């Protein structure tokens, strides 16, 4: 939990205000006393909603900058606590600053850096903590932090490309939806009013169908909103369950076009994280455990857990992954070469580079396919709307209602 506190320093009798992380309010008060401060007021910030909570979230970019700055300071010979204090002063995000303040307090209290970070799983995932722990053990914390920053940047770059490919179709569909809503709720009712004034005139079928849709939108829009909000809420909660998440992850890999993109994305992520962990000195079994969590797919994670059990039994990792439906054939082949040459992390790094380029190419290919499909879809919708508006008018002319 994030708390905003106001405390007084008994030595200087000065008040200070900042944010901090703690499990609960008593723990926050104890942490302040441990710093030699007397707490005056504690306010839970985790109750912030909407825009305020979004504004205070910790972005990947902030963690990358934090990691690089901390790596530079440690490499320059500064002690860890002093380096953390210096970096914390540069942080503008109050939530992130509060977390680092708590980390500093924990380290000063005798905790290791990795253990202090592990108390904040919402900010630092298992990959981050494992690499920090490996860096502490090997005495190469600065190198581990640099590798972390590189890995986070590459992962963020891939996800940015995938999200970017979705922006254009979303904007086009949103604009088309707005135009269609305006036409069927404003223009078509005017055509209906014209027909109502002419005895014996009957609207064409396509116009009557769209008028039915218009009637629903105008009079029962609230039901549609409730259906979308309620359905979205139930779907979101179901997707967070174990069964729901497994189902969603399976569907991702079976989607036309997008399924191949997701598979390449997972392979790139697995290879990049694994390479970074091994290069930092993380043991193979621990690497598999952390990578399974970092990949972000239940099926891939289950395959890695199964492979880990095989490796414990003395089987090679490449042989354990060969034939697995959640892994492409290239991955175990490259891992086998790495095992034979003693350069497994190097081979995984090459796999990551390959699949990151493949993801980029796949995104471009999907964008190329989506654009003409969208144009055809928009053309059909526009044709239906134009027909619904113009056919009644031509019908009136043909029947001599309009001369």
Protein backbone atom coordinates (compact mmCIF):
# COMPACT_ATOMS: atom_id res chain seq x y z
CA UNK A 1 0.00 0.00 0.00
CA UNK A 2 1.07 3.57 -0.68
CA UNK A 3 0.78 6.10 2.14
CA UNK A 4 1.25 9.84 2.16
CA UNK A 5 2.72 10.86 5.50
CA UNK A 6 3.44 13.98 7.49
CA UNK A 7 6.06 13.50 10.21
CA UNK A 8 8.28 15.55 12.46
CA UNK A 9 11.98 15.11 13.08
CA UNK A 10 12.52 15.35 16.90
CA UNK A 11 16.13 16.44 16.38
CA UNK A 12 15.36 19.46 14.19
CA UNK A 13 11.67 19.88 15.07
CA UNK A 14 10.93 20.20 11.34
CA UNK A 15 7.95 18.70 9.54
CA UNK A 16 8.38 16.63 6.40
CA UNK A 17 5.86 15.15 3.95
CA UNK A 18 6.39 12.40 1.38
CA UNK A 19 5.01 9.05 0.21
CA UNK A 20 6.01 5.55 1.26
CA UNK A 21 5.12 1.88 0.79
CA UNK A 22 3.98 -0.33 3.65
CA UNK A 23 1.78 -3.38 4.22
CA UNK A 24 -0.59 -1.43 6.47
CA UNK A 25 -0.83 1.73 8.56
CA UNK A 26 0.92 0.33 11.70
CA UNK A 27 3.76 -0.93 9.51
CA UNK A 28 4.07 2.53 7.93
CA UNK A 29 4.22 4.15 11.36
CA UNK A 30 6.90 1.71 12.51
CA UNK A 31 8.93 2.36 9.36
CA UNK A 32 8.82 6.11 10.03
CA UNK A 33 9.92 5.59 13.63
CA UNK A 34 12.77 3.46 12.33
CA UNK A 35 13.93 6.49 10.35
CA UNK A 36 13.86 8.61 13.48
CA UNK A 37 10.63 10.42 12.56
CA UNK A 38 7.45 10.89 14.58
CA UNK A 39 4.38 10.30 12.36
CA UNK A 40 1.70 13.00 12.56
CA UNK A 41 -0.59 11.94 9.73
CA UNK A 42 -0.86 8.90 7.46
CA UNK A 43 -3.15 8.82 4.41
CA UNK A 44 -3.71 5.77 2.22
CA UNK A 45 -3.16 6.74 -1.44
CA UNK A 46 -4.11 3.36 -2.89
CA UNK A 47 -7.74 4.53 -2.69
CA UNK A 48 -7.12 6.95 -5.54
CA UNK A 49 -9.34 6.22 -8.47
CA UNK A 50 -9.40 6.81 -12.19
CA UNK A 51 -7.06 9.46 -13.54
CA UNK A 52 -5.18 9.96 -10.26
CA UNK A 53 -4.25 6.29 -10.01
CA UNK A 54 -3.29 6.15 -13.69
CA UNK A 55 -1.14 9.27 -13.31
CA UNK A 56 0.82 7.70 -10.44
CA UNK A 57 1.41 4.31 -12.05
CA UNK A 58 5.03 3.29 -12.60
CA UNK A 59 5.82 3.07 -16.30
CA UNK A 60 8.46 0.87 -17.92
CA UNK A 61 10.30 4.00 -19.03
CA UNK A 62 10.62 5.18 -15.41
CA UNK A 63 12.03 1.81 -14.33
CA UNK A 64 14.48 1.79 -17.24
CA UNK A 65 15.77 5.26 -16.32
CA UNK A 66 15.97 4.25 -12.65
CA UNK A 67 17.96 1.12 -13.51
CA UNK A 68 20.40 2.95 -15.78
CA UNK A 69 21.00 5.80 -13.33
CA UNK A 70 21.52 3.39 -10.43
CA UNK A 71 23.89 1.28 -12.54
CA UNK A 72 25.97 4.34 -13.43
CA UNK A 73 26.27 5.50 -9.83
CA UNK A 74 27.21 2.04 -8.51
CA UNK A 75 29.74 1.61 -11.32
CA UNK A 76 31.25 4.96 -10.27
CA UNK A 77 31.95 3.51 -6.81
CA UNK A 78 29.11 5.04 -4.76
CA UNK A 79 27.59 2.89 -1.98
CA UNK A 80 24.19 1.36 -2.73
CA UNK A 81 22.21 3.45 -0.22
CA UNK A 82 23.80 6.69 -1.38
CA UNK A 83 23.13 5.74 -5.01
CA UNK A 84 19.50 4.96 -4.20
CA UNK A 85 19.05 8.29 -2.40
CA UNK A 86 20.56 10.17 -5.33
CA UNK A 87 18.32 8.44 -7.86
CA UNK A 88 15.24 8.85 -5.63
CA UNK A 89 15.76 12.61 -5.63
CA UNK A 90 15.43 12.59 -9.44
CA UNK A 91 12.12 10.68 -9.43
CA UNK A 92 9.02 12.71 -10.23
CA UNK A 93 6.46 9.95 -9.70
CA UNK A 94 5.40 10.16 -6.02
CA UNK A 95 4.39 6.50 -5.91
CA UNK A 96 7.74 5.33 -7.30
CA UNK A 97 9.59 7.71 -5.02
CA UNK A 98 7.72 6.32 -2.03
CA UNK A 99 8.61 2.75 -3.00
CA UNK A 100 12.31 3.59 -3.33
CA UNK A 101 12.19 5.37 0.04
CA UNK A 102 10.88 2.14 1.56
CA UNK A 103 13.59 0.14 -0.22
CA UNK A 104 16.25 2.48 1.19
CA UNK A 105 14.84 2.04 4.70
CA UNK A 106 14.86 -1.75 4.31
CA UNK A 107 18.46 -1.80 3.03
CA UNK A 108 19.56 0.45 5.88
CA UNK A 109 17.85 -1.97 8.25
CA UNK A 110 20.06 -4.83 7.05
CA UNK A 111 17.98 -6.26 4.19
CA UNK A 112 19.54 -7.14 0.85
CA UNK A 113 18.58 -4.99 -2.13
CA UNK A 114 16.75 -7.85 -3.86
CA UNK A 115 14.79 -8.73 -0.70
CA UNK A 116 13.81 -5.06 -0.28
CA UNK A 117 12.55 -4.94 -3.88
CA UNK A 118 10.66 -8.21 -3.40
CA UNK A 119 8.41 -6.44 -0.88
CA UNK A 120 6.97 -4.44 -3.78
CA UNK A 121 5.83 -7.04 -6.36
CA UNK A 122 3.51 -4.57 -8.09
CA UNK A 123 6.50 -2.43 -9.06
CA UNK A 124 9.27 -5.03 -9.51
CA UNK A 125 8.52 -8.40 -11.08
CA UNK A 126 10.31 -11.70 -10.52
CA UNK A 127 12.67 -11.11 -13.46
CA UNK A 128 13.87 -7.84 -11.97
CA UNK A 129 14.34 -9.30 -8.50
CA UNK A 130 16.14 -12.42 -9.76
CA UNK A 131 18.61 -10.38 -11.80
CA UNK A 132 19.29 -8.06 -8.86
CA UNK A 133 19.85 -11.09 -6.59
CA UNK A 134 22.26 -12.60 -9.13
CA UNK A 135 24.12 -9.29 -9.40
CA UNK A 136 24.43 -9.04 -5.62
CA UNK A 137 25.77 -12.58 -5.38
CA UNK A 138 28.33 -12.14 -8.15
CA UNK A 139 29.29 -8.57 -7.21
CA UNK A 140 28.15 -7.25 -10.61
CA UNK A 141 25.04 -5.33 -9.57
CA UNK A 142 25.76 -2.50 -12.00
CA UNK A 143 25.99 -4.94 -14.91
CA UNK A 144 22.74 -6.64 -13.89
CA UNK A 145 20.98 -3.27 -13.75
CA UNK A 146 22.21 -2.40 -17.24
CA UNK A 147 21.00 -5.76 -18.57
CA UNK A 148 17.66 -5.18 -16.88
CA UNK A 149 17.29 -1.81 -18.57
CA UNK A 150 18.18 -3.31 -21.96
CA UNK A 151 15.74 -6.18 -21.53
CA UNK A 152 12.91 -3.88 -20.43
CA UNK A 153 13.52 -1.51 -23.33
CA UNK A 154 13.40 -4.31 -25.91
CA UNK A 155 10.25 -5.82 -24.40
CA UNK A 156 8.58 -2.39 -24.31
CA UNK A 157 9.61 -1.74 -27.91
CA UNK A 158 7.98 -4.97 -29.11
CA UNK A 159 4.74 -4.28 -27.23
CA UNK A 160 4.71 -0.71 -28.57
CA UNK A 161 4.85 -2.02 -32.15
CA UNK A 162 2.02 -4.46 -31.49
CA UNK A 163 -0.17 -1.79 -29.89
CA UNK A 164 0.71 0.68 -32.63
CA UNK A 165 -0.63 -1.73 -35.25
CA UNK A 166 -4.02 -1.66 -33.47
CA UNK A 167 -4.34 2.12 -33.36
CA UNK A 168 -5.26 2.69 -37.03
CA UNK A 169 -8.05 0.08 -37.22
CA UNK A 170 -9.45 1.27 -33.88
CA UNK A 171 -9.60 4.90 -35.00
CA UNK A 172 -11.18 4.01 -38.35
CA UNK A 173 -13.83 1.79 -36.73
CA UNK A 174 -14.56 4.41 -34.07
CA UNK A 175 -15.09 7.15 -36.68
CA UNK A 176 -17.20 4.84 -38.83
CA UNK A 177 -19.28 3.89 -35.80
CA UNK A 178 -19.87 7.56 -35.02
CA UNK A 179 -20.93 8.36 -38.60
CA UNK A 180 -23.22 5.34 -38.74
CA UNK A 181 -24.83 6.23 -35.41
CA UNK A 182 -25.47 9.80 -36.61
CA UNK A 183 -27.02 8.59 -39.88
CA UNK A 184 -29.39 6.04 -38.36
CA UNK A 185 -30.45 8.19 -35.42
CA UNK A 186 -30.77 11.55 -37.22
CA UNK A 187 -31.10 11.23 -41.01
CA UNK A 188 -33.21 8.07 -41.30
CA UNK A 189 -35.94 9.30 -38.90
CA UNK A 190 -36.36 12.34 -41.16
CA UNK A 191 -36.88 10.05 -44.15
CA UNK A 192 -39.47 8.14 -42.13
CA UNK A 193 -41.27 11.39 -41.29
CA UNK A 194 -41.48 12.18 -45.00
CA UNK A 195 -43.02 8.79 -45.76
CA UNK A 196 -45.52 9.10 -42.92
CA UNK A 197 -46.99 12.16 -44.61
CA UNK A 198 -47.62 10.23 -47.85
CA UNK A 199 -50.52 7.74 -47.80
CA UNK A 200 -49.73 4.35 -49.28
CA UNK A 201 -45.97 4.86 -49.29
CA UNK A 202 -43.93 2.00 -47.85
CA UNK A 203 -40.27 2.15 -46.87
CA UNK A 204 -37.81 -0.32 -48.42
CA UNK A 205 -36.74 -3.29 -46.29
CA UNK A 206 -33.18 -2.07 -45.68
CA UNK A 207 -34.49 1.27 -44.43
CA UNK A 208 -37.00 -0.40 -42.11
CA UNK A 209 -34.28 -2.61 -40.66
CA UNK A 210 -31.99 0.35 -39.94
CA UNK A 211 -34.90 2.28 -38.48
CA UNK A 212 -35.43 -0.63 -36.08
CA UNK A 213 -31.78 -0.32 -35.06
CA UNK A 214 -32.24 3.43 -34.72
CA UNK A 215 -35.30 2.94 -32.51
CA UNK A 216 -33.31 0.62 -30.24
CA UNK A 217 -30.40 3.07 -29.98
CA UNK A 218 -32.65 6.03 -29.21
CA UNK A 219 -34.95 4.36 -26.68
CA UNK A 220 -32.84 1.55 -25.22
CA UNK A 221 -29.31 2.97 -25.30
CA UNK A 222 -29.12 2.52 -21.54
CA UNK A 223 -29.69 -1.25 -21.94
CA UNK A 224 -26.82 -1.40 -24.42
CA UNK A 225 -24.55 0.50 -22.02
CA UNK A 226 -25.51 -1.82 -19.14
CA UNK A 227 -24.92 -4.85 -21.34
CA UNK A 228 -21.47 -3.65 -22.43
CA UNK A 229 -20.38 -2.55 -18.94
CA UNK A 230 -21.79 -5.62 -17.20
CA UNK A 231 -20.50 -8.01 -19.86
CA UNK A 232 -17.09 -6.36 -19.80
CA UNK A 233 -16.93 -6.57 -16.01
CA UNK A 234 -17.93 -10.26 -15.95
CA UNK A 235 -15.57 -11.10 -18.80
CA UNK A 236 -12.70 -9.30 -17.10
CA UNK A 237 -13.26 -11.13 -13.81
CA UNK A 238 -13.58 -14.47 -15.62
CA UNK A 239 -10.36 -13.83 -17.55
CA UNK A 240 -8.57 -13.34 -14.23
CA UNK A 241 -9.54 -16.80 -12.99
CA UNK A 242 -7.22 -19.72 -13.60
CA UNK A 243 -9.56 -21.37 -16.10
CA UNK A 244 -10.41 -18.08 -17.80
CA UNK A 245 -6.81 -17.02 -18.24
CA UNK A 246 -5.84 -20.44 -19.64
CA UNK A 247 -8.73 -20.27 -22.12
CA UNK A 248 -7.86 -16.74 -23.23
CA UNK A 249 -4.18 -17.64 -23.66
CA UNK A 250 -5.11 -20.66 -25.80
CA UNK A 251 -7.42 -18.56 -27.95
CA UNK A 252 -4.67 -15.99 -28.53
CA UNK A 253 -2.53 -18.63 -30.22
CA UNK A 254 -5.43 -19.88 -32.38
CA UNK A 255 -6.50 -16.52 -33.79
CA UNK A 256 -6.05 -16.09 -37.56
CA UNK A 257 -2.90 -14.04 -38.31
CA UNK A 258 -2.68 -12.79 -34.71
CA UNK A 259 -1.97 -16.32 -33.42
CA UNK A 260 1.37 -16.41 -35.25
CA UNK A 261 2.17 -12.94 -33.94
CA UNK A 262 1.50 -14.00 -30.34
CA UNK A 263 3.63 -17.13 -30.74
CA UNK A 264 6.59 -15.11 -32.06
CA UNK A 265 6.08 -12.54 -29.31
CA UNK A 266 6.23 -15.23 -26.61
CA UNK A 267 9.31 -16.85 -28.16
CA UNK A 268 11.08 -13.48 -28.31
CA UNK A 269 10.19 -12.71 -24.71
CA UNK A 270 11.26 -16.14 -23.45
CA UNK A 271 14.58 -15.98 -25.29
CA UNK A 272 15.37 -12.41 -24.24
CA UNK A 273 14.56 -12.96 -20.56
CA UNK A 274 16.36 -16.32 -20.47
CA UNK A 275 19.46 -14.90 -22.12
CA UNK A 276 19.55 -11.98 -19.69
CA UNK A 277 19.14 -14.26 -16.67
CA UNK A 278 21.81 -16.74 -17.76
CA UNK A 279 24.26 -13.96 -18.63
CA UNK A 280 23.80 -12.61 -15.10
CA UNK A 281 24.65 -15.96 -13.53
CA UNK A 282 21.14 -17.21 -12.69
CA UNK A 283 21.08 -21.06 -12.58
CA UNK A 284 19.23 -22.88 -15.38
CA UNK A 285 16.34 -24.16 -13.22
CA UNK A 286 15.80 -20.73 -11.67
CA UNK A 287 15.94 -19.23 -15.16
CA UNK A 288 13.16 -21.54 -16.34
CA UNK A 289 11.04 -20.66 -13.30
CA UNK A 290 11.43 -16.90 -13.79
CA UNK A 291 11.00 -17.06 -17.57
CA UNK A 292 7.77 -19.01 -17.17
CA UNK A 293 6.36 -16.13 -15.16
CA UNK A 294 7.72 -13.44 -17.49
CA UNK A 295 6.41 -14.89 -20.78
CA UNK A 296 2.79 -14.04 -19.95
CA UNK A 297 1.07 -17.15 -21.34
CA UNK A 298 -0.27 -20.00 -19.21
CA UNK A 299 0.40 -22.64 -21.87
CA UNK A 300 4.01 -21.59 -22.43
CA UNK A 301 4.54 -21.36 -18.67
CA UNK A 302 3.19 -24.91 -18.21
CA UNK A 303 5.55 -26.18 -20.93
CA UNK A 304 8.50 -24.51 -19.21
CA UNK A 305 7.48 -26.04 -15.86
CA UNK A 306 7.32 -29.46 -17.53
CA UNK A 307 10.71 -28.89 -19.15
CA UNK A 308 12.14 -27.87 -15.77
CA UNK A 309 11.08 -31.22 -14.30
CA UNK A 310 12.74 -33.03 -17.21
CA UNK A 311 15.95 -31.03 -16.72
CA UNK A 312 15.94 -32.00 -13.04
CA UNK A 313 15.83 -35.62 -14.18
CA UNK A 314 18.96 -35.14 -16.26
CA UNK A 315 17.40 -34.42 -19.65
CA UNK A 316 18.77 -31.60 -21.82
CA UNK A 317 16.63 -28.47 -22.10
CA UNK A 318 16.53 -28.70 -25.90
CA UNK A 319 15.24 -32.28 -25.75
CA UNK A 320 12.67 -31.28 -23.11
CA UNK A 321 11.21 -28.56 -25.34
CA UNK A 322 11.38 -30.45 -28.65
CA UNK A 323 7.94 -31.26 -30.03
CA UNK A 324 6.14 -29.03 -27.54
CA UNK A 325 3.16 -27.29 -29.25
CA UNK A 326 3.85 -24.07 -27.36
CA UNK A 327 7.37 -23.74 -28.79
CA UNK A 328 8.50 -23.31 -32.38
CA UNK A 329 11.01 -25.81 -33.78
CA UNK A 330 13.72 -23.15 -34.01
CA UNK A 331 13.91 -22.60 -30.25
CA UNK A 332 14.98 -26.14 -29.17
CA UNK A 333 17.28 -26.36 -32.22
CA UNK A 334 19.12 -23.18 -31.24
CA UNK A 335 19.18 -24.22 -27.58
CA UNK A 336 20.77 -27.55 -28.59
CA UNK A 337 23.53 -25.71 -30.47
CA UNK A 338 24.06 -23.47 -27.43
CA UNK A 339 24.26 -26.49 -25.12
CA UNK A 340 26.80 -28.20 -27.35
CA UNK A 341 28.95 -25.09 -27.79
CA UNK A 342 28.68 -23.93 -24.16
CA UNK A 343 27.21 -20.59 -25.24
CA UNK A 344 23.54 -21.04 -24.39
CA UNK A 345 22.91 -17.40 -23.46
CA UNK A 346 24.46 -16.29 -26.77
CA UNK A 347 22.18 -18.60 -28.77
CA UNK A 348 19.13 -17.42 -26.83
CA UNK A 349 20.14 -13.84 -27.53
CA UNK A 350 20.21 -14.62 -31.26
CA UNK A 351 16.80 -16.30 -30.99
CA UNK A 352 15.45 -13.18 -29.30
CA UNK A 353 16.87 -10.95 -32.04
CA UNK A 354 15.37 -13.18 -34.75
CA UNK A 355 11.89 -13.31 -33.27
CA UNK A 356 11.85 -9.61 -32.44
CA UNK A 357 12.46 -8.93 -36.15
CA UNK A 358 9.81 -11.52 -37.01
CA UNK A 359 7.31 -9.75 -34.73
CA UNK A 360 8.10 -6.47 -36.49
CA UNK A 361 7.59 -8.08 -39.92
CA UNK A 362 4.38 -9.79 -38.76
CA UNK A 363 2.97 -6.51 -37.48
CA UNK A 364 3.69 -4.87 -40.84
CA UNK A 365 2.11 -7.80 -42.68
CA UNK A 366 -1.04 -7.67 -40.55
CA UNK A 367 -1.27 -3.91 -41.04
CA UNK A 368 -1.00 -4.42 -44.82
CA UNK A 369 -3.82 -6.97 -44.76
CA UNK A 370 -6.05 -5.08 -42.34
CA UNK A 371 -6.11 -1.82 -44.35
CA UNK A 372 -7.84 -3.21 -47.49
CA UNK A 373 -10.16 -5.36 -45.37
CA UNK A 374 -11.18 -2.24 -43.44
CA UNK A 375 -11.75 -0.36 -46.69
CA UNK A 376 -14.04 -3.13 -47.96
CA UNK A 377 -15.91 -3.24 -44.66
CA UNK A 378 -16.33 0.54 -44.62
CA UNK A 379 -17.50 0.45 -48.26
CA UNK A 380 -20.18 -2.14 -47.44
CA UNK A 381 -21.42 -0.16 -44.43
CA UNK A 382 -21.46 3.06 -46.45
CA UNK A 383 -23.36 1.31 -49.27
CA UNK A 384 -26.00 0.01 -46.85
CA UNK A 385 -26.48 3.45 -45.28
CA UNK A 386 -26.64 5.24 -48.63
CA UNK A 387 -29.12 2.65 -49.91
CA UNK A 388 -31.27 3.07 -46.80
CA UNK A 389 -31.40 6.85 -47.38
CA UNK A 390 -31.63 7.06 -51.18
CA UNK A 391 -33.87 4.09 -52.02
CA UNK A 392 -36.89 5.61 -50.28
CA UNK A 393 -36.39 8.85 -52.25
CA UNK A 394 -36.06 7.03 -55.61
CA UNK A 395 -39.05 4.92 -54.68
CA UNK A 396 -41.16 8.03 -54.15
CA UNK A 397 -40.08 9.42 -57.54
CA UNK A 398 -40.84 6.13 -59.27
CA UNK A 399 -44.35 6.00 -57.82
CA UNK A 400 -45.01 9.63 -58.71
CA UNK A 401 -45.28 10.74 -55.08
CA UNK A 402 -42.71 13.38 -55.96
CA UNK A 403 -43.02 15.20 -59.29
